[in-house]
Amino acid sequence: MKYAMFEQLETENLILRKFRSEDANCFYKRVGGSEDVTRYMLWQPHEYIEESQKSIEKVLARYEEGKCYTWAIALAKDDSVIGRIDLLRFDEENSSCSFAYMLGKEFWGRGFGTESLKAVFAFAFEKMEMQSIVADHMSENVASGKVMQKVGMRFVQKYLQKYEKCGKYYDADEYVIDAGDWF
């Protein structure tokens, strides 16, 4: 594994780029402030745009520090933000990492999650020389499991009551993809 320079990634329909301060309003309306989008996140929806602004400001500070792999998912046609995708939880010893992503509800079911993950996986395997990418999702979030399968990930195991949110416990399904699978 090696830390590569952050790169803007482009797909047929999307631009995965650095966040900008001016993305806060769009992010809040489409992603951060949505109860539907945050239902399977471990945080509550942002009540105010200022919370989305602070979230983006934290990412901007991390860009300055280096080793930050957080992309704003933007539509290629107008550069408006529709989501976020991160590579995270780096394990240098095993050359592996995880990821998290979220898309605004109006963009679900249109292939944008799959398109984003494929671009980020190409970056992780080809530029960062990852050996594996491991991630899980709350079992109730069946759509996330389908996206993981579409990008070539395979189911590994179920964790019982792995996540707690607002006093309720959720099971999680874990998936993995290895460099050999990717190439």
Protein backbone atom coordinates (compact mmCIF):
# COMPACT_ATOMS: atom_id res chain seq x y z
CA MET A 1 0.00 0.00 0.00
CA LYS A 2 1.14 3.50 -0.73
CA TYR A 3 -0.53 6.82 -0.15
CA ALA A 4 -1.19 8.39 -3.53
CA MET A 5 -1.92 12.01 -4.30
CA PHE A 6 -5.63 12.77 -4.22
CA GLU A 7 -7.02 12.78 -7.74
CA GLN A 8 -10.22 14.01 -9.28
CA LEU A 9 -11.96 11.02 -10.85
CA GLU A 10 -14.30 11.23 -13.80
CA THR A 11 -16.84 8.71 -15.03
CA GLU A 12 -19.48 8.80 -17.72
CA ASN A 13 -21.98 10.68 -15.55
CA LEU A 14 -20.00 11.88 -12.54
CA ILE A 15 -17.07 13.92 -11.33
CA LEU A 16 -15.57 12.80 -8.04
CA ARG A 17 -13.71 15.84 -6.78
CA LYS A 18 -12.65 17.71 -3.68
CA PHE A 19 -15.39 19.36 -1.71
CA ARG A 20 -15.60 23.15 -1.83
CA SER A 21 -17.16 25.48 0.75
CA GLU A 22 -19.88 26.43 -1.69
CA ASP A 23 -21.07 22.80 -1.80
CA ALA A 24 -22.64 23.08 1.66
CA ASN A 25 -26.11 24.17 0.54
CA CYS A 26 -26.47 21.45 -2.09
CA PHE A 27 -25.00 18.81 0.25
CA TYR A 28 -27.39 19.81 3.02
CA LYS A 29 -30.48 19.73 0.80
CA ARG A 30 -29.68 16.46 -0.95
CA VAL A 31 -27.67 14.44 1.56
CA GLY A 32 -26.81 15.70 5.04
CA GLY A 33 -30.25 16.99 5.96
CA SER A 34 -32.15 13.98 4.62
CA GLU A 35 -33.65 11.48 7.06
CA ASP A 36 -33.88 8.91 4.27
CA VAL A 37 -30.18 9.24 3.38
CA THR A 38 -28.95 9.20 6.98
CA ARG A 39 -31.24 6.36 8.12
CA TYR A 40 -28.37 3.86 7.87
CA MET A 41 -25.63 6.24 8.99
CA LEU A 42 -24.46 6.39 12.58
CA TRP A 43 -25.32 10.09 12.80
CA GLN A 44 -28.55 12.05 12.73
CA PRO A 45 -29.54 14.24 9.77
CA HIS A 46 -28.24 17.77 9.90
CA GLU A 47 -30.93 20.08 11.24
CA TYR A 48 -29.27 23.20 9.87
CA ILE A 49 -27.09 24.01 6.87
CA GLU A 50 -24.36 25.09 9.31
CA GLU A 51 -23.88 21.44 10.30
CA SER A 52 -23.25 20.48 6.68
CA GLN A 53 -20.89 23.47 6.36
CA LYS A 54 -18.91 22.32 9.43
CA SER A 55 -18.73 18.79 8.04
CA ILE A 56 -17.31 20.11 4.76
CA GLU A 57 -14.89 22.41 6.61
CA LYS A 58 -13.48 19.37 8.44
CA VAL A 59 -12.91 17.65 5.11
CA LEU A 60 -11.24 20.78 3.69
CA ALA A 61 -8.85 20.85 6.66
CA ARG A 62 -8.04 17.16 6.13
CA TYR A 63 -7.18 17.84 2.46
CA GLU A 64 -4.54 20.28 3.72
CA GLU A 65 -3.07 17.61 6.00
CA GLY A 66 -2.76 15.12 3.14
CA LYS A 67 -3.82 11.47 3.10
CA CYS A 68 -7.50 12.45 2.80
CA TYR A 69 -9.54 10.46 0.34
CA THR A 70 -12.97 12.07 0.51
CA TRP A 71 -14.66 12.85 -2.76
CA ALA A 72 -17.72 14.96 -3.42
CA ILE A 73 -19.85 13.04 -5.90
CA ALA A 74 -21.01 15.62 -8.46
CA LEU A 75 -23.02 15.33 -11.64
CA ALA A 76 -20.81 15.80 -14.70
CA LYS A 77 -23.51 17.83 -16.47
CA ASP A 78 -23.65 20.65 -13.90
CA ASP A 79 -21.05 19.90 -11.16
CA SER A 80 -23.75 19.86 -8.45
CA VAL A 81 -23.06 17.65 -5.45
CA ILE A 82 -25.27 14.57 -5.08
CA GLY A 83 -23.25 12.63 -2.50
CA ARG A 84 -19.98 11.73 -0.85
CA ILE A 85 -17.59 8.79 -0.96
CA ASP A 86 -14.57 8.11 1.26
CA LEU A 87 -11.74 5.63 1.48
CA LEU A 88 -10.99 5.15 5.18
CA ARG A 89 -9.76 2.80 7.93
CA PHE A 90 -6.40 2.17 6.30
CA ASP A 91 -4.51 -0.94 7.44
CA GLU A 92 -0.96 -0.42 6.20
CA GLU A 93 0.23 -3.84 7.40
CA ASN A 94 -2.36 -5.68 5.30
CA SER A 95 -2.64 -3.07 2.51
CA SER A 96 -6.37 -2.80 2.99
CA CYS A 97 -8.98 -0.16 3.60
CA SER A 98 -12.70 0.39 3.81
CA PHE A 99 -15.10 2.89 2.28
CA ALA A 100 -18.32 4.74 2.98
CA TYR A 101 -20.64 6.51 0.61
CA MET A 102 -24.00 8.23 0.51
CA LEU A 103 -26.15 9.61 -2.26
CA GLY A 104 -29.11 11.94 -2.23
CA LYS A 105 -32.38 9.99 -2.40
CA GLU A 106 -33.39 11.42 -5.76
CA PHE A 107 -30.27 9.76 -7.22
CA TRP A 108 -30.87 6.27 -5.85
CA GLY A 109 -31.42 3.42 -8.28
CA ARG A 110 -29.68 5.19 -11.17
CA GLY A 111 -26.31 3.41 -11.01
CA PHE A 112 -24.43 6.35 -9.47
CA GLY A 113 -23.36 4.36 -6.39
CA THR A 114 -21.91 1.61 -8.57
CA GLU A 115 -20.28 4.14 -10.90
CA SER A 116 -18.69 5.99 -7.94
CA LEU A 117 -17.43 2.83 -6.27
CA LYS A 118 -15.86 1.51 -9.48
CA ALA A 119 -13.92 4.76 -9.92
CA VAL A 120 -12.74 4.80 -6.30
CA PHE A 121 -11.84 1.08 -6.39
CA ALA A 122 -9.74 1.66 -9.53
CA PHE A 123 -7.92 4.44 -7.67
CA ALA A 124 -7.40 2.29 -4.56
CA PHE A 125 -6.15 -0.80 -6.38
CA GLU A 126 -4.17 0.88 -9.16
CA LYS A 127 -2.74 4.02 -7.50
CA MET A 128 -2.61 3.00 -3.84
CA GLU A 129 -1.80 -0.66 -4.50
CA MET A 130 -4.41 -1.92 -2.05
CA GLN A 131 -4.62 -5.68 -1.64
CA SER A 132 -8.20 -5.66 -0.39
CA ILE A 133 -11.14 -3.45 0.39
CA VAL A 134 -13.49 -4.53 3.17
CA ALA A 135 -16.75 -2.83 4.10
CA ASP A 136 -20.05 -3.54 5.74
CA HIS A 137 -23.52 -2.08 5.78
CA MET A 138 -26.48 -2.35 8.12
CA SER A 139 -28.26 -5.52 7.06
CA GLU A 140 -31.54 -3.64 6.66
CA ASN A 141 -29.92 -1.53 3.93
CA VAL A 142 -30.30 -4.19 1.25
CA ALA A 143 -29.62 -1.71 -1.58
CA SER A 144 -26.06 -1.12 -0.31
CA GLY A 145 -25.38 -4.85 -0.40
CA LYS A 146 -26.59 -4.96 -4.01
CA VAL A 147 -24.25 -2.12 -4.97
CA MET A 148 -21.33 -3.92 -3.30
CA GLN A 149 -22.13 -7.07 -5.26
CA LYS A 150 -22.37 -5.10 -8.53
CA VAL A 151 -18.79 -3.87 -8.09
CA GLY A 152 -17.50 -7.40 -7.53
CA MET A 153 -17.50 -7.63 -3.75
CA ARG A 154 -18.40 -10.93 -2.14
CA PHE A 155 -20.27 -11.52 1.11
CA VAL A 156 -18.03 -12.58 4.00
CA GLN A 157 -20.10 -12.64 7.17
CA LYS A 158 -22.92 -11.16 9.22
CA TYR A 159 -22.21 -9.34 12.47
CA LEU A 160 -25.06 -9.44 14.96
CA GLN A 161 -25.92 -6.14 16.64
CA LYS A 162 -22.74 -4.44 15.39
CA TYR A 163 -24.11 -0.91 15.28
CA GLU A 164 -26.15 1.10 17.75
CA LYS A 165 -28.16 4.17 16.77
CA CYS A 166 -30.64 5.92 19.03
CA GLY A 167 -30.84 2.93 21.36
CA LYS A 168 -31.54 0.40 18.63
CA TYR A 169 -29.03 -2.24 17.51
CA TYR A 170 -28.44 -3.23 13.90
CA ASP A 171 -26.83 -6.27 12.30
CA ALA A 172 -24.22 -5.70 9.59
CA ASP A 173 -23.24 -7.62 6.46
CA GLU A 174 -19.55 -7.57 5.54
CA TYR A 175 -18.20 -7.72 1.99
CA VAL A 176 -14.68 -7.87 0.53
CA ILE A 177 -12.93 -7.50 -2.80
CA ASP A 178 -9.29 -8.45 -3.31
CA ALA A 179 -6.82 -7.01 -5.82
CA GLY A 180 -6.90 -10.34 -7.69
CA ASP A 181 -10.68 -10.09 -8.00
CA TRP A 182 -10.41 -6.52 -9.26
CA PHE A 183 -7.72 -7.13 -11.86
